[in-house]
Amino acid sequence: MEVHPSDNHTEFLIWQKGKTMEERALNHVLNGLPDRPITAYDVGANAGVYSLRIAAIAVPGSAIHAFEPNPTMRARLEKNIALNGFDSIQVHPCAISDGAGELDLYVPVDTNLGEASLSKPKKGATPTRVQVRKLSDFLPPDKQTPIDFIKVDVEGHEDRVLAPLLSDMPIAQLPKSVLFEVEHNKAWKSDLGKLLTNTGYELDAKFGRNAIYRLK
């Protein structure tokens, strides 16, 4: 990866330590992926830590969808994909929410670009108008194609990404595993843990700010 440690905490940790603070969670996810072509979604892809690591071990024929609405971070993501020559990652230049249209993405200036948010504008953040879509718009047309993994890290907007997806998608396509950040759950409109449990999931593991649920 090409990293920019001055304005993104994730990239700073890679530069400083050679890994991110989410290494245990990431390894848990990688160890749980099946040995066949997979379909995975990375919502809030940042510089590509999850997408790149999944693509590095994924079986040929896999499809990884990376969503990054911040133009600066999207350019870094695309550069890192190109550096590795991965053709399994498709980058989508939009944010994911519970509806379609446009919203302001509040981007911190010269601090931590990874904290850009649709829900929780930080002091001094600059609003950038971005396209917004629902994750269900990007499901495979073949309803029998399994969704193996979804990661959502969008600074307090996680519920608006996952709640409509769980109600919209066919039972056969419910994701086998879901990882999401819980640190900003006070900004949520719904309890994701309860929603996932009621949909047939159980808590698989928790690593600091991230929870992983797996379909029973």
N, C-alpha and C. Protein backbone atom coordinates (compact mmCIF):
# COMPACT_ATOMS: atom_id res chain seq x y z
N MET A 1 0.83 -1.20 0.00
CA MET A 1 0.00 0.00 0.00
C MET A 1 0.86 1.25 0.00
N GLU A 2 0.36 2.26 -0.66
CA GLU A 2 0.94 3.59 -0.50
C GLU A 2 0.15 4.28 0.60
N VAL A 3 0.84 4.74 1.64
CA VAL A 3 0.12 5.31 2.79
C VAL A 3 0.45 6.79 2.99
N HIS A 4 -0.52 7.49 3.55
CA HIS A 4 -0.40 8.93 3.82
C HIS A 4 -0.64 9.13 5.33
N PRO A 5 0.40 9.04 6.13
CA PRO A 5 0.23 9.04 7.59
C PRO A 5 -0.18 10.38 8.19
N SER A 6 -0.09 11.46 7.45
CA SER A 6 -0.30 12.78 8.05
C SER A 6 -1.75 13.13 8.30
N ASP A 7 -2.70 12.49 7.57
CA ASP A 7 -4.09 12.93 7.69
C ASP A 7 -5.10 11.80 7.78
N ASN A 8 -4.64 10.58 8.10
CA ASN A 8 -5.55 9.45 8.22
C ASN A 8 -4.99 8.49 9.26
N HIS A 9 -5.74 8.25 10.32
CA HIS A 9 -5.24 7.44 11.44
C HIS A 9 -4.91 6.01 11.01
N THR A 10 -5.74 5.43 10.16
CA THR A 10 -5.48 4.06 9.70
C THR A 10 -4.16 3.98 8.95
N GLU A 11 -3.93 4.91 8.06
CA GLU A 11 -2.68 4.91 7.30
C GLU A 11 -1.48 5.23 8.20
N PHE A 12 -1.71 6.06 9.20
CA PHE A 12 -0.63 6.37 10.14
C PHE A 12 -0.17 5.11 10.87
N LEU A 13 -1.12 4.29 11.32
CA LEU A 13 -0.76 3.07 12.05
C LEU A 13 -0.05 2.07 11.15
N ILE A 14 -0.45 1.99 9.88
CA ILE A 14 0.25 1.11 8.95
C ILE A 14 1.68 1.59 8.76
N TRP A 15 1.85 2.90 8.64
CA TRP A 15 3.20 3.47 8.50
C TRP A 15 4.04 3.25 9.76
N GLN A 16 3.42 3.41 10.93
CA GLN A 16 4.15 3.32 12.19
C GLN A 16 4.41 1.88 12.63
N LYS A 17 3.39 1.00 12.47
CA LYS A 17 3.48 -0.34 13.04
C LYS A 17 3.39 -1.47 12.02
N GLY A 18 3.07 -1.11 10.78
CA GLY A 18 2.93 -2.15 9.77
C GLY A 18 1.60 -2.86 9.82
N LYS A 19 0.67 -2.38 10.64
CA LYS A 19 -0.66 -2.98 10.74
C LYS A 19 -1.61 -1.95 11.35
N THR A 20 -2.90 -2.22 11.25
CA THR A 20 -3.90 -1.32 11.81
C THR A 20 -4.34 -1.83 13.18
N MET A 21 -5.14 -1.03 13.86
CA MET A 21 -5.68 -1.43 15.15
C MET A 21 -6.75 -2.51 15.01
N GLU A 22 -7.16 -2.82 13.77
CA GLU A 22 -8.20 -3.81 13.54
C GLU A 22 -7.64 -5.13 13.04
N GLU A 23 -6.36 -5.36 13.28
CA GLU A 23 -5.71 -6.55 12.74
C GLU A 23 -6.34 -7.85 13.23
N ARG A 24 -6.71 -7.91 14.51
CA ARG A 24 -7.31 -9.15 15.03
C ARG A 24 -8.66 -9.41 14.38
N ALA A 25 -9.47 -8.37 14.26
CA ALA A 25 -10.78 -8.52 13.61
C ALA A 25 -10.61 -8.93 12.16
N LEU A 26 -9.67 -8.30 11.47
CA LEU A 26 -9.43 -8.60 10.06
C LEU A 26 -8.98 -10.04 9.87
N ASN A 27 -8.07 -10.50 10.69
CA ASN A 27 -7.60 -11.89 10.59
C ASN A 27 -8.72 -12.88 10.89
N HIS A 28 -9.59 -12.53 11.83
CA HIS A 28 -10.74 -13.39 12.15
C HIS A 28 -11.64 -13.52 10.92
N VAL A 29 -11.86 -12.41 10.24
CA VAL A 29 -12.68 -12.43 9.02
C VAL A 29 -12.02 -13.27 7.94
N LEU A 30 -10.72 -13.03 7.70
CA LEU A 30 -10.01 -13.75 6.64
C LEU A 30 -10.02 -15.26 6.89
N ASN A 31 -9.84 -15.65 8.13
CA ASN A 31 -9.82 -17.08 8.46
C ASN A 31 -11.18 -17.73 8.28
N GLY A 32 -12.25 -16.93 8.28
CA GLY A 32 -13.60 -17.48 8.16
C GLY A 32 -14.15 -17.50 6.74
N LEU A 33 -13.39 -16.99 5.77
CA LEU A 33 -13.87 -16.97 4.40
C LEU A 33 -13.79 -18.35 3.76
N PRO A 34 -14.77 -18.71 2.95
CA PRO A 34 -14.77 -20.05 2.32
C PRO A 34 -13.75 -20.16 1.21
N ASP A 35 -13.40 -21.39 0.89
CA ASP A 35 -12.42 -21.68 -0.17
C ASP A 35 -13.14 -21.85 -1.51
N ARG A 36 -13.77 -20.78 -1.96
CA ARG A 36 -14.48 -20.72 -3.24
C ARG A 36 -14.61 -19.25 -3.60
N PRO A 37 -15.02 -18.91 -4.81
CA PRO A 37 -15.23 -17.50 -5.14
C PRO A 37 -16.24 -16.87 -4.19
N ILE A 38 -15.91 -15.72 -3.66
CA ILE A 38 -16.76 -15.08 -2.66
C ILE A 38 -17.31 -13.76 -3.20
N THR A 39 -18.35 -13.29 -2.51
CA THR A 39 -18.90 -11.96 -2.75
C THR A 39 -18.83 -11.20 -1.43
N ALA A 40 -18.18 -10.05 -1.43
CA ALA A 40 -17.98 -9.28 -0.20
C ALA A 40 -18.21 -7.80 -0.47
N TYR A 41 -18.61 -7.08 0.59
CA TYR A 41 -18.89 -5.64 0.50
C TYR A 41 -18.12 -4.91 1.59
N ASP A 42 -17.45 -3.85 1.20
CA ASP A 42 -16.66 -3.03 2.11
C ASP A 42 -17.24 -1.61 2.07
N VAL A 43 -18.07 -1.31 3.05
CA VAL A 43 -18.76 -0.01 3.09
C VAL A 43 -17.98 0.93 4.00
N GLY A 44 -17.45 1.98 3.43
CA GLY A 44 -16.50 2.84 4.12
C GLY A 44 -15.12 2.25 3.95
N ALA A 45 -14.71 2.12 2.68
CA ALA A 45 -13.50 1.34 2.36
C ALA A 45 -12.21 2.04 2.75
N ASN A 46 -12.25 3.37 2.91
CA ASN A 46 -11.05 4.10 3.32
C ASN A 46 -9.94 3.85 2.30
N ALA A 47 -8.73 3.56 2.76
CA ALA A 47 -7.61 3.32 1.84
C ALA A 47 -7.57 1.89 1.33
N GLY A 48 -8.49 1.05 1.82
CA GLY A 48 -8.60 -0.30 1.27
C GLY A 48 -8.08 -1.43 2.11
N VAL A 49 -7.90 -1.22 3.41
CA VAL A 49 -7.33 -2.27 4.25
C VAL A 49 -8.10 -3.58 4.13
N TYR A 50 -9.42 -3.54 4.28
CA TYR A 50 -10.22 -4.77 4.20
C TYR A 50 -10.28 -5.30 2.77
N SER A 51 -10.61 -4.43 1.82
CA SER A 51 -10.76 -4.87 0.43
C SER A 51 -9.48 -5.51 -0.09
N LEU A 52 -8.35 -4.88 0.17
CA LEU A 52 -7.07 -5.38 -0.34
C LEU A 52 -6.70 -6.72 0.28
N ARG A 53 -6.89 -6.83 1.58
CA ARG A 53 -6.51 -8.07 2.27
C ARG A 53 -7.42 -9.23 1.85
N ILE A 54 -8.69 -8.94 1.64
CA ILE A 54 -9.60 -9.99 1.18
C ILE A 54 -9.23 -10.41 -0.24
N ALA A 55 -8.98 -9.42 -1.11
CA ALA A 55 -8.63 -9.72 -2.49
C ALA A 55 -7.34 -10.54 -2.57
N ALA A 56 -6.44 -10.33 -1.63
CA ALA A 56 -5.14 -11.01 -1.66
C ALA A 56 -5.27 -12.52 -1.46
N ILE A 57 -6.34 -12.96 -0.78
CA ILE A 57 -6.49 -14.39 -0.53
C ILE A 57 -7.71 -14.99 -1.22
N ALA A 58 -8.51 -14.13 -1.86
CA ALA A 58 -9.76 -14.62 -2.45
C ALA A 58 -9.49 -15.50 -3.67
N VAL A 59 -10.33 -16.51 -3.82
CA VAL A 59 -10.26 -17.42 -4.96
C VAL A 59 -10.62 -16.66 -6.23
N PRO A 60 -9.97 -16.94 -7.36
CA PRO A 60 -10.34 -16.28 -8.62
C PRO A 60 -11.84 -16.40 -8.89
N GLY A 61 -12.42 -15.33 -9.41
CA GLY A 61 -13.85 -15.30 -9.64
C GLY A 61 -14.61 -14.59 -8.53
N SER A 62 -13.90 -14.15 -7.49
CA SER A 62 -14.52 -13.45 -6.38
C SER A 62 -14.88 -12.01 -6.78
N ALA A 63 -15.87 -11.45 -6.09
CA ALA A 63 -16.31 -10.08 -6.35
C ALA A 63 -16.31 -9.31 -5.03
N ILE A 64 -15.52 -8.24 -4.98
CA ILE A 64 -15.42 -7.41 -3.78
C ILE A 64 -15.87 -6.00 -4.16
N HIS A 65 -16.90 -5.51 -3.49
CA HIS A 65 -17.44 -4.19 -3.77
C HIS A 65 -16.98 -3.22 -2.68
N ALA A 66 -16.25 -2.19 -3.08
CA ALA A 66 -15.71 -1.21 -2.13
C ALA A 66 -16.40 0.13 -2.35
N PHE A 67 -16.97 0.68 -1.28
CA PHE A 67 -17.71 1.94 -1.36
C PHE A 67 -16.94 3.03 -0.62
N GLU A 68 -16.59 4.10 -1.33
CA GLU A 68 -15.85 5.20 -0.72
C GLU A 68 -16.26 6.52 -1.39
N PRO A 69 -17.09 7.32 -0.72
CA PRO A 69 -17.58 8.57 -1.32
C PRO A 69 -16.60 9.74 -1.27
N ASN A 70 -15.65 9.70 -0.35
CA ASN A 70 -14.69 10.80 -0.22
C ASN A 70 -13.68 10.74 -1.37
N PRO A 71 -13.66 11.73 -2.25
CA PRO A 71 -12.78 11.66 -3.43
C PRO A 71 -11.31 11.45 -3.10
N THR A 72 -10.84 12.08 -2.01
CA THR A 72 -9.43 11.93 -1.64
C THR A 72 -9.11 10.49 -1.27
N MET A 73 -9.96 9.90 -0.42
CA MET A 73 -9.72 8.52 0.00
C MET A 73 -9.98 7.54 -1.14
N ARG A 74 -10.93 7.87 -1.99
CA ARG A 74 -11.21 6.97 -3.12
C ARG A 74 -10.02 6.90 -4.07
N ALA A 75 -9.35 8.03 -4.28
CA ALA A 75 -8.16 8.03 -5.13
C ALA A 75 -7.06 7.17 -4.53
N ARG A 76 -6.90 7.23 -3.21
CA ARG A 76 -5.89 6.39 -2.55
C ARG A 76 -6.26 4.91 -2.67
N LEU A 77 -7.54 4.61 -2.47
CA LEU A 77 -8.02 3.24 -2.61
C LEU A 77 -7.74 2.70 -4.00
N GLU A 78 -8.07 3.49 -5.02
CA GLU A 78 -7.86 3.05 -6.40
C GLU A 78 -6.38 2.88 -6.70
N LYS A 79 -5.54 3.74 -6.14
CA LYS A 79 -4.10 3.62 -6.33
C LYS A 79 -3.60 2.31 -5.72
N ASN A 80 -4.07 1.98 -4.53
CA ASN A 80 -3.62 0.76 -3.86
C ASN A 80 -4.10 -0.49 -4.58
N ILE A 81 -5.30 -0.42 -5.16
CA ILE A 81 -5.79 -1.55 -5.95
C ILE A 81 -4.90 -1.74 -7.18
N ALA A 82 -4.57 -0.62 -7.84
CA ALA A 82 -3.73 -0.69 -9.04
C ALA A 82 -2.33 -1.21 -8.71
N LEU A 83 -1.79 -0.81 -7.57
CA LEU A 83 -0.45 -1.26 -7.18
C LEU A 83 -0.39 -2.78 -7.03
N ASN A 84 -1.52 -3.37 -6.65
CA ASN A 84 -1.57 -4.82 -6.46
C ASN A 84 -2.10 -5.57 -7.68
N GLY A 85 -2.63 -4.83 -8.63
CA GLY A 85 -3.17 -5.47 -9.82
C GLY A 85 -4.41 -6.30 -9.57
N PHE A 86 -5.19 -5.93 -8.55
CA PHE A 86 -6.40 -6.69 -8.23
C PHE A 86 -7.54 -6.31 -9.19
N ASP A 87 -8.11 -7.31 -9.85
CA ASP A 87 -9.26 -7.05 -10.71
C ASP A 87 -10.56 -7.53 -10.09
N SER A 88 -10.48 -8.03 -8.86
CA SER A 88 -11.68 -8.53 -8.18
C SER A 88 -12.40 -7.43 -7.40
N ILE A 89 -11.78 -6.25 -7.26
CA ILE A 89 -12.37 -5.16 -6.48
C ILE A 89 -13.00 -4.14 -7.41
N GLN A 90 -14.28 -3.88 -7.18
CA GLN A 90 -14.98 -2.83 -7.92
C GLN A 90 -15.25 -1.67 -6.97
N VAL A 91 -14.78 -0.49 -7.33
CA VAL A 91 -14.94 0.70 -6.48
C VAL A 91 -16.21 1.46 -6.89
N HIS A 92 -17.02 1.79 -5.90
CA HIS A 92 -18.26 2.54 -6.13
C HIS A 92 -18.12 3.93 -5.48
N PRO A 93 -18.25 5.01 -6.24
CA PRO A 93 -18.02 6.37 -5.71
C PRO A 93 -19.26 6.95 -5.03
N CYS A 94 -19.83 6.22 -4.11
CA CYS A 94 -21.04 6.70 -3.44
C CYS A 94 -21.03 6.27 -1.98
N ALA A 95 -21.87 6.94 -1.20
CA ALA A 95 -22.10 6.54 0.18
C ALA A 95 -23.30 5.59 0.20
N ILE A 96 -23.41 4.81 1.27
CA ILE A 96 -24.53 3.89 1.43
C ILE A 96 -25.37 4.33 2.62
N SER A 97 -26.70 4.34 2.42
CA SER A 97 -27.60 4.75 3.49
C SER A 97 -28.92 4.00 3.32
N ASP A 98 -30.00 4.55 3.89
CA ASP A 98 -31.31 3.89 3.82
C ASP A 98 -32.18 4.47 2.71
N GLY A 99 -31.60 5.24 1.82
CA GLY A 99 -32.34 5.80 0.70
C GLY A 99 -31.39 6.25 -0.39
N ALA A 100 -31.95 6.74 -1.48
CA ALA A 100 -31.14 7.20 -2.61
C ALA A 100 -31.27 8.71 -2.75
N GLY A 101 -30.24 9.34 -3.28
CA GLY A 101 -30.25 10.79 -3.47
C GLY A 101 -28.88 11.37 -3.23
N GLU A 102 -28.84 12.50 -2.54
CA GLU A 102 -27.59 13.16 -2.19
C GLU A 102 -27.63 13.61 -0.73
N LEU A 103 -26.48 13.54 -0.06
CA LEU A 103 -26.35 14.00 1.32
C LEU A 103 -24.99 14.67 1.48
N ASP A 104 -24.85 15.42 2.56
CA ASP A 104 -23.55 16.01 2.89
C ASP A 104 -22.70 15.00 3.65
N LEU A 105 -21.50 14.78 3.14
CA LEU A 105 -20.50 14.00 3.85
C LEU A 105 -19.57 14.99 4.53
N TYR A 106 -19.50 14.92 5.87
CA TYR A 106 -18.69 15.87 6.62
C TYR A 106 -17.27 15.31 6.77
N VAL A 107 -16.34 15.97 6.12
CA VAL A 107 -14.96 15.48 6.04
C VAL A 107 -14.05 16.34 6.92
N PRO A 108 -13.40 15.75 7.94
CA PRO A 108 -12.44 16.51 8.75
C PRO A 108 -11.30 17.04 7.88
N VAL A 109 -10.88 18.24 8.14
CA VAL A 109 -9.83 18.86 7.34
C VAL A 109 -8.48 18.71 8.05
N ASP A 110 -7.54 18.06 7.39
CA ASP A 110 -6.15 17.94 7.88
C ASP A 110 -6.06 17.26 9.24
N THR A 111 -7.01 16.37 9.57
CA THR A 111 -6.92 15.63 10.83
C THR A 111 -6.98 14.13 10.55
N ASN A 112 -8.20 13.57 10.48
CA ASN A 112 -8.34 12.14 10.23
C ASN A 112 -9.43 11.95 9.18
N LEU A 113 -9.04 11.79 7.93
CA LEU A 113 -10.00 11.66 6.85
C LEU A 113 -10.87 10.42 7.01
N GLY A 114 -10.41 9.46 7.80
CA GLY A 114 -11.20 8.26 8.04
C GLY A 114 -12.42 8.50 8.90
N GLU A 115 -12.56 9.69 9.45
CA GLU A 115 -13.71 10.01 10.30
C GLU A 115 -14.80 10.77 9.55
N ALA A 116 -14.72 10.81 8.23
CA ALA A 116 -15.78 11.44 7.45
C ALA A 116 -17.11 10.73 7.74
N SER A 117 -18.18 11.51 7.88
CA SER A 117 -19.44 10.93 8.33
C SER A 117 -20.64 11.64 7.73
N LEU A 118 -21.69 10.85 7.46
CA LEU A 118 -22.99 11.41 7.08
C LEU A 118 -23.80 11.77 8.32
N SER A 119 -23.44 11.20 9.46
CA SER A 119 -24.27 11.32 10.66
C SER A 119 -23.72 12.25 11.73
N LYS A 120 -22.40 12.26 11.90
CA LYS A 120 -21.81 12.97 13.04
C LYS A 120 -20.76 13.96 12.58
N PRO A 121 -21.16 15.14 12.15
CA PRO A 121 -20.14 16.11 11.73
C PRO A 121 -19.26 16.53 12.89
N LYS A 122 -17.95 16.41 12.72
CA LYS A 122 -17.02 16.84 13.75
C LYS A 122 -16.73 18.33 13.58
N LYS A 123 -16.29 18.95 14.65
CA LYS A 123 -15.99 20.37 14.62
C LYS A 123 -14.95 20.66 13.54
N GLY A 124 -15.27 21.62 12.69
CA GLY A 124 -14.34 22.00 11.63
C GLY A 124 -14.43 21.16 10.38
N ALA A 125 -15.36 20.18 10.36
CA ALA A 125 -15.49 19.32 9.18
C ALA A 125 -16.12 20.10 8.03
N THR A 126 -15.69 19.80 6.83
CA THR A 126 -16.20 20.46 5.63
C THR A 126 -17.24 19.58 4.94
N PRO A 127 -18.44 20.10 4.68
CA PRO A 127 -19.45 19.29 3.99
C PRO A 127 -19.13 19.14 2.50
N THR A 128 -19.23 17.91 2.02
CA THR A 128 -19.05 17.60 0.61
C THR A 128 -20.28 16.83 0.15
N ARG A 129 -20.94 17.32 -0.88
CA ARG A 129 -22.16 16.67 -1.37
C ARG A 129 -21.79 15.39 -2.10
N VAL A 130 -22.41 14.26 -1.70
CA VAL A 130 -22.08 12.98 -2.32
C VAL A 130 -23.36 12.24 -2.71
N GLN A 131 -23.21 11.36 -3.67
CA GLN A 131 -24.32 10.50 -4.07
C GLN A 131 -24.52 9.43 -3.00
N VAL A 132 -25.79 9.09 -2.75
CA VAL A 132 -26.13 8.09 -1.75
C VAL A 132 -27.02 7.02 -2.40
N ARG A 133 -26.71 5.77 -2.12
CA ARG A 133 -27.49 4.64 -2.62
C ARG A 133 -27.77 3.67 -1.48
N LYS A 134 -28.68 2.73 -1.72
CA LYS A 134 -28.92 1.63 -0.79
C LYS A 134 -28.04 0.44 -1.19
N LEU A 135 -27.58 -0.30 -0.20
CA LEU A 135 -26.70 -1.42 -0.49
C LEU A 135 -27.42 -2.49 -1.31
N SER A 136 -28.73 -2.59 -1.14
CA SER A 136 -29.48 -3.59 -1.90
C SER A 136 -29.43 -3.34 -3.40
N ASP A 137 -29.10 -2.10 -3.81
CA ASP A 137 -28.97 -1.79 -5.24
C ASP A 137 -27.79 -2.53 -5.88
N PHE A 138 -26.88 -3.03 -5.06
CA PHE A 138 -25.65 -3.64 -5.57
C PHE A 138 -25.59 -5.15 -5.35
N LEU A 139 -26.73 -5.74 -5.00
CA LEU A 139 -26.74 -7.19 -4.82
C LEU A 139 -26.63 -7.90 -6.17
N PRO A 140 -26.02 -9.09 -6.20
CA PRO A 140 -25.93 -9.84 -7.46
C PRO A 140 -27.32 -10.11 -8.03
N PRO A 141 -27.48 -10.02 -9.34
CA PRO A 141 -28.80 -10.27 -9.94
C PRO A 141 -29.29 -11.69 -9.73
N ASP A 142 -28.36 -12.63 -9.63
CA ASP A 142 -28.73 -14.01 -9.34
C ASP A 142 -29.00 -14.12 -7.85
N LYS A 143 -30.25 -14.31 -7.48
CA LYS A 143 -30.64 -14.31 -6.07
C LYS A 143 -30.10 -15.51 -5.29
N GLN A 144 -29.50 -16.45 -6.00
CA GLN A 144 -28.91 -17.60 -5.32
C GLN A 144 -27.43 -17.38 -5.01
N THR A 145 -26.85 -16.29 -5.48
CA THR A 145 -25.45 -16.00 -5.19
C THR A 145 -25.30 -15.63 -3.72
N PRO A 146 -24.51 -16.37 -2.95
CA PRO A 146 -24.38 -16.06 -1.53
C PRO A 146 -23.56 -14.80 -1.29
N ILE A 147 -23.94 -14.05 -0.27
CA ILE A 147 -23.16 -12.90 0.19
C ILE A 147 -22.34 -13.40 1.38
N ASP A 148 -21.03 -13.41 1.25
CA ASP A 148 -20.20 -14.02 2.27
C ASP A 148 -19.83 -13.08 3.40
N PHE A 149 -19.62 -11.80 3.09
CA PHE A 149 -19.12 -10.88 4.12
C PHE A 149 -19.49 -9.45 3.79
N ILE A 150 -19.92 -8.72 4.82
CA ILE A 150 -20.15 -7.28 4.70
C ILE A 150 -19.46 -6.59 5.87
N LYS A 151 -18.68 -5.57 5.56
CA LYS A 151 -18.05 -4.75 6.59
C LYS A 151 -18.59 -3.33 6.47
N VAL A 152 -19.00 -2.75 7.60
CA VAL A 152 -19.55 -1.40 7.59
C VAL A 152 -18.86 -0.57 8.68
N ASP A 153 -18.16 0.47 8.25
CA ASP A 153 -17.49 1.39 9.17
C ASP A 153 -17.71 2.79 8.63
N VAL A 154 -18.81 3.42 9.08
CA VAL A 154 -19.21 4.71 8.52
C VAL A 154 -19.57 5.72 9.61
N GLU A 155 -18.89 5.65 10.72
CA GLU A 155 -18.92 6.69 11.75
C GLU A 155 -20.32 7.06 12.21
N GLY A 156 -21.09 6.06 12.64
CA GLY A 156 -22.41 6.32 13.22
C GLY A 156 -23.57 6.13 12.27
N HIS A 157 -23.30 5.73 11.04
CA HIS A 157 -24.37 5.54 10.05
C HIS A 157 -24.58 4.06 9.75
N GLU A 158 -23.99 3.20 10.57
CA GLU A 158 -24.01 1.76 10.30
C GLU A 158 -25.43 1.20 10.24
N ASP A 159 -26.30 1.68 11.11
CA ASP A 159 -27.67 1.14 11.14
C ASP A 159 -28.43 1.48 9.87
N ARG A 160 -28.18 2.67 9.31
CA ARG A 160 -28.88 3.06 8.09
C ARG A 160 -28.40 2.27 6.87
N VAL A 161 -27.21 1.69 6.98
CA VAL A 161 -26.70 0.83 5.91
C VAL A 161 -27.30 -0.57 6.01
N LEU A 162 -27.29 -1.13 7.22
CA LEU A 162 -27.64 -2.54 7.38
C LEU A 162 -29.13 -2.82 7.59
N ALA A 163 -29.83 -1.95 8.31
CA ALA A 163 -31.23 -2.23 8.62
C ALA A 163 -32.09 -2.43 7.37
N PRO A 164 -32.05 -1.52 6.39
CA PRO A 164 -32.87 -1.74 5.19
C PRO A 164 -32.41 -2.94 4.38
N LEU A 165 -31.11 -3.24 4.40
CA LEU A 165 -30.60 -4.38 3.67
C LEU A 165 -31.20 -5.67 4.20
N LEU A 166 -31.24 -5.82 5.51
CA LEU A 166 -31.74 -7.04 6.12
C LEU A 166 -33.21 -7.24 5.84
N SER A 167 -33.94 -6.15 5.65
CA SER A 167 -35.37 -6.27 5.37
C SER A 167 -35.66 -6.41 3.87
N ASP A 168 -34.73 -5.95 3.02
CA ASP A 168 -34.95 -5.95 1.57
C ASP A 168 -34.50 -7.24 0.89
N MET A 169 -33.45 -7.86 1.38
CA MET A 169 -32.81 -8.91 0.61
C MET A 169 -33.47 -10.27 0.82
N PRO A 170 -33.42 -11.15 -0.20
CA PRO A 170 -33.97 -12.49 -0.07
C PRO A 170 -33.24 -13.27 1.04
N ILE A 171 -33.95 -14.18 1.67
CA ILE A 171 -33.36 -14.98 2.75
C ILE A 171 -32.11 -15.71 2.26
N ALA A 172 -32.15 -16.18 1.01
CA ALA A 172 -31.02 -16.93 0.46
C ALA A 172 -29.76 -16.08 0.34
N GLN A 173 -29.93 -14.74 0.33
CA GLN A 173 -28.78 -13.86 0.16
C GLN A 173 -28.37 -13.14 1.44
N LEU A 174 -28.95 -13.49 2.56
CA LEU A 174 -28.51 -12.86 3.80
C LEU A 174 -27.01 -13.10 3.97
N PRO A 175 -26.23 -12.06 4.29
CA PRO A 175 -24.78 -12.24 4.40
C PRO A 175 -24.42 -13.24 5.48
N LYS A 176 -23.44 -14.08 5.17
CA LYS A 176 -23.01 -15.10 6.14
C LYS A 176 -22.36 -14.48 7.36
N SER A 177 -21.66 -13.35 7.15
CA SER A 177 -20.94 -12.69 8.24
C SER A 177 -21.01 -11.18 8.05
N VAL A 178 -21.20 -10.46 9.16
CA VAL A 178 -21.30 -9.00 9.12
C VAL A 178 -20.40 -8.41 10.20
N LEU A 179 -19.52 -7.51 9.81
CA LEU A 179 -18.68 -6.78 10.76
C LEU A 179 -19.07 -5.31 10.70
N PHE A 180 -19.26 -4.69 11.86
CA PHE A 180 -19.57 -3.27 11.87
C PHE A 180 -19.00 -2.61 13.11
N GLU A 181 -18.74 -1.32 12.99
CA GLU A 181 -18.21 -0.56 14.12
C GLU A 181 -19.34 -0.19 15.06
N VAL A 182 -19.13 -0.39 16.35
CA VAL A 182 -20.17 -0.11 17.34
C VAL A 182 -19.85 1.13 18.17
N GLU A 183 -18.72 1.74 17.94
CA GLU A 183 -18.27 2.85 18.78
C GLU A 183 -19.21 4.05 18.75
N HIS A 184 -19.91 4.25 17.65
CA HIS A 184 -20.78 5.42 17.51
C HIS A 184 -22.25 5.02 17.55
N ASN A 185 -22.58 3.98 18.34
CA ASN A 185 -23.96 3.48 18.35
C ASN A 185 -24.97 4.47 18.93
N LYS A 186 -24.51 5.50 19.63
CA LYS A 186 -25.44 6.50 20.14
C LYS A 186 -26.05 7.33 19.02
N ALA A 187 -25.43 7.30 17.86
CA ALA A 187 -25.97 8.02 16.71
C ALA A 187 -26.96 7.17 15.92
N TRP A 188 -27.11 5.90 16.28
CA TRP A 188 -28.00 5.01 15.55
C TRP A 188 -29.47 5.30 15.85
N LYS A 189 -30.32 4.97 14.90
CA LYS A 189 -31.77 5.06 15.08
C LYS A 189 -32.35 3.71 15.49
N SER A 190 -31.60 2.64 15.30
CA SER A 190 -32.06 1.30 15.66
C SER A 190 -30.93 0.49 16.25
N ASP A 191 -31.29 -0.52 17.04
CA ASP A 191 -30.32 -1.38 17.70
C ASP A 191 -29.90 -2.49 16.74
N LEU A 192 -28.70 -2.37 16.19
CA LEU A 192 -28.26 -3.33 15.19
C LEU A 192 -28.09 -4.74 15.76
N GLY A 193 -27.55 -4.82 16.97
CA GLY A 193 -27.36 -6.13 17.58
C GLY A 193 -28.68 -6.87 17.71
N LYS A 194 -29.71 -6.18 18.18
CA LYS A 194 -31.03 -6.80 18.35
C LYS A 194 -31.62 -7.16 17.00
N LEU A 195 -31.47 -6.27 16.03
CA LEU A 195 -32.00 -6.53 14.69
C LEU A 195 -31.36 -7.77 14.07
N LEU A 196 -30.05 -7.88 14.19
CA LEU A 196 -29.35 -9.03 13.63
C LEU A 196 -29.75 -10.32 14.35
N THR A 197 -29.87 -10.26 15.66
CA THR A 197 -30.29 -11.44 16.42
C THR A 197 -31.68 -11.90 16.00
N ASN A 198 -32.58 -10.96 15.81
CA ASN A 198 -33.95 -11.29 15.40
C ASN A 198 -34.01 -11.82 13.97
N THR A 199 -32.95 -11.54 13.18
CA THR A 199 -32.92 -11.99 11.79
C THR A 199 -32.24 -13.35 11.65
N GLY A 200 -31.71 -13.87 12.76
CA GLY A 200 -31.10 -15.19 12.71
C GLY A 200 -29.60 -15.21 12.87
N TYR A 201 -29.03 -14.10 13.36
CA TYR A 201 -27.58 -14.02 13.57
C TYR A 201 -27.24 -14.21 15.05
N GLU A 202 -25.99 -14.52 15.30
CA GLU A 202 -25.47 -14.55 16.65
C GLU A 202 -24.12 -13.83 16.68
N LEU A 203 -23.80 -13.27 17.84
CA LEU A 203 -22.52 -12.59 17.98
C LEU A 203 -21.40 -13.61 17.87
N ASP A 204 -20.54 -13.42 16.90
CA ASP A 204 -19.44 -14.34 16.65
C ASP A 204 -18.20 -13.92 17.43
N ALA A 205 -17.90 -12.62 17.42
CA ALA A 205 -16.71 -12.12 18.12
C ALA A 205 -16.81 -10.61 18.24
N LYS A 206 -16.07 -10.08 19.20
CA LYS A 206 -15.99 -8.63 19.35
C LYS A 206 -14.54 -8.26 19.58
N PHE A 207 -14.06 -7.31 18.81
CA PHE A 207 -12.69 -6.86 18.89
C PHE A 207 -12.69 -5.34 19.04
N GLY A 208 -12.58 -4.87 20.27
CA GLY A 208 -12.55 -3.43 20.51
C GLY A 208 -13.81 -2.76 20.02
N ARG A 209 -13.68 -1.89 19.03
CA ARG A 209 -14.82 -1.12 18.53
C ARG A 209 -15.64 -1.87 17.48
N ASN A 210 -15.22 -3.09 17.11
CA ASN A 210 -15.90 -3.84 16.05
C ASN A 210 -16.60 -5.09 16.59
N ALA A 211 -17.81 -5.33 16.09
CA ALA A 211 -18.54 -6.55 16.40
C ALA A 211 -18.73 -7.35 15.13
N ILE A 212 -18.65 -8.67 15.23
CA ILE A 212 -18.85 -9.55 14.09
C ILE A 212 -20.00 -10.50 14.40
N TYR A 213 -21.01 -10.49 13.54
CA TYR A 213 -22.15 -11.37 13.68
C TYR A 213 -22.13 -12.38 12.55
N ARG A 214 -22.51 -13.62 12.88
CA ARG A 214 -22.52 -14.69 11.87
C ARG A 214 -23.91 -15.31 11.82
N LEU A 215 -24.36 -15.63 10.61
CA LEU A 215 -25.66 -16.25 10.43
C LEU A 215 -25.63 -17.67 10.98
N LYS A 216 -26.63 -18.00 11.78
CA LYS A 216 -26.65 -19.33 12.40
C LYS A 216 -26.85 -20.43 11.34
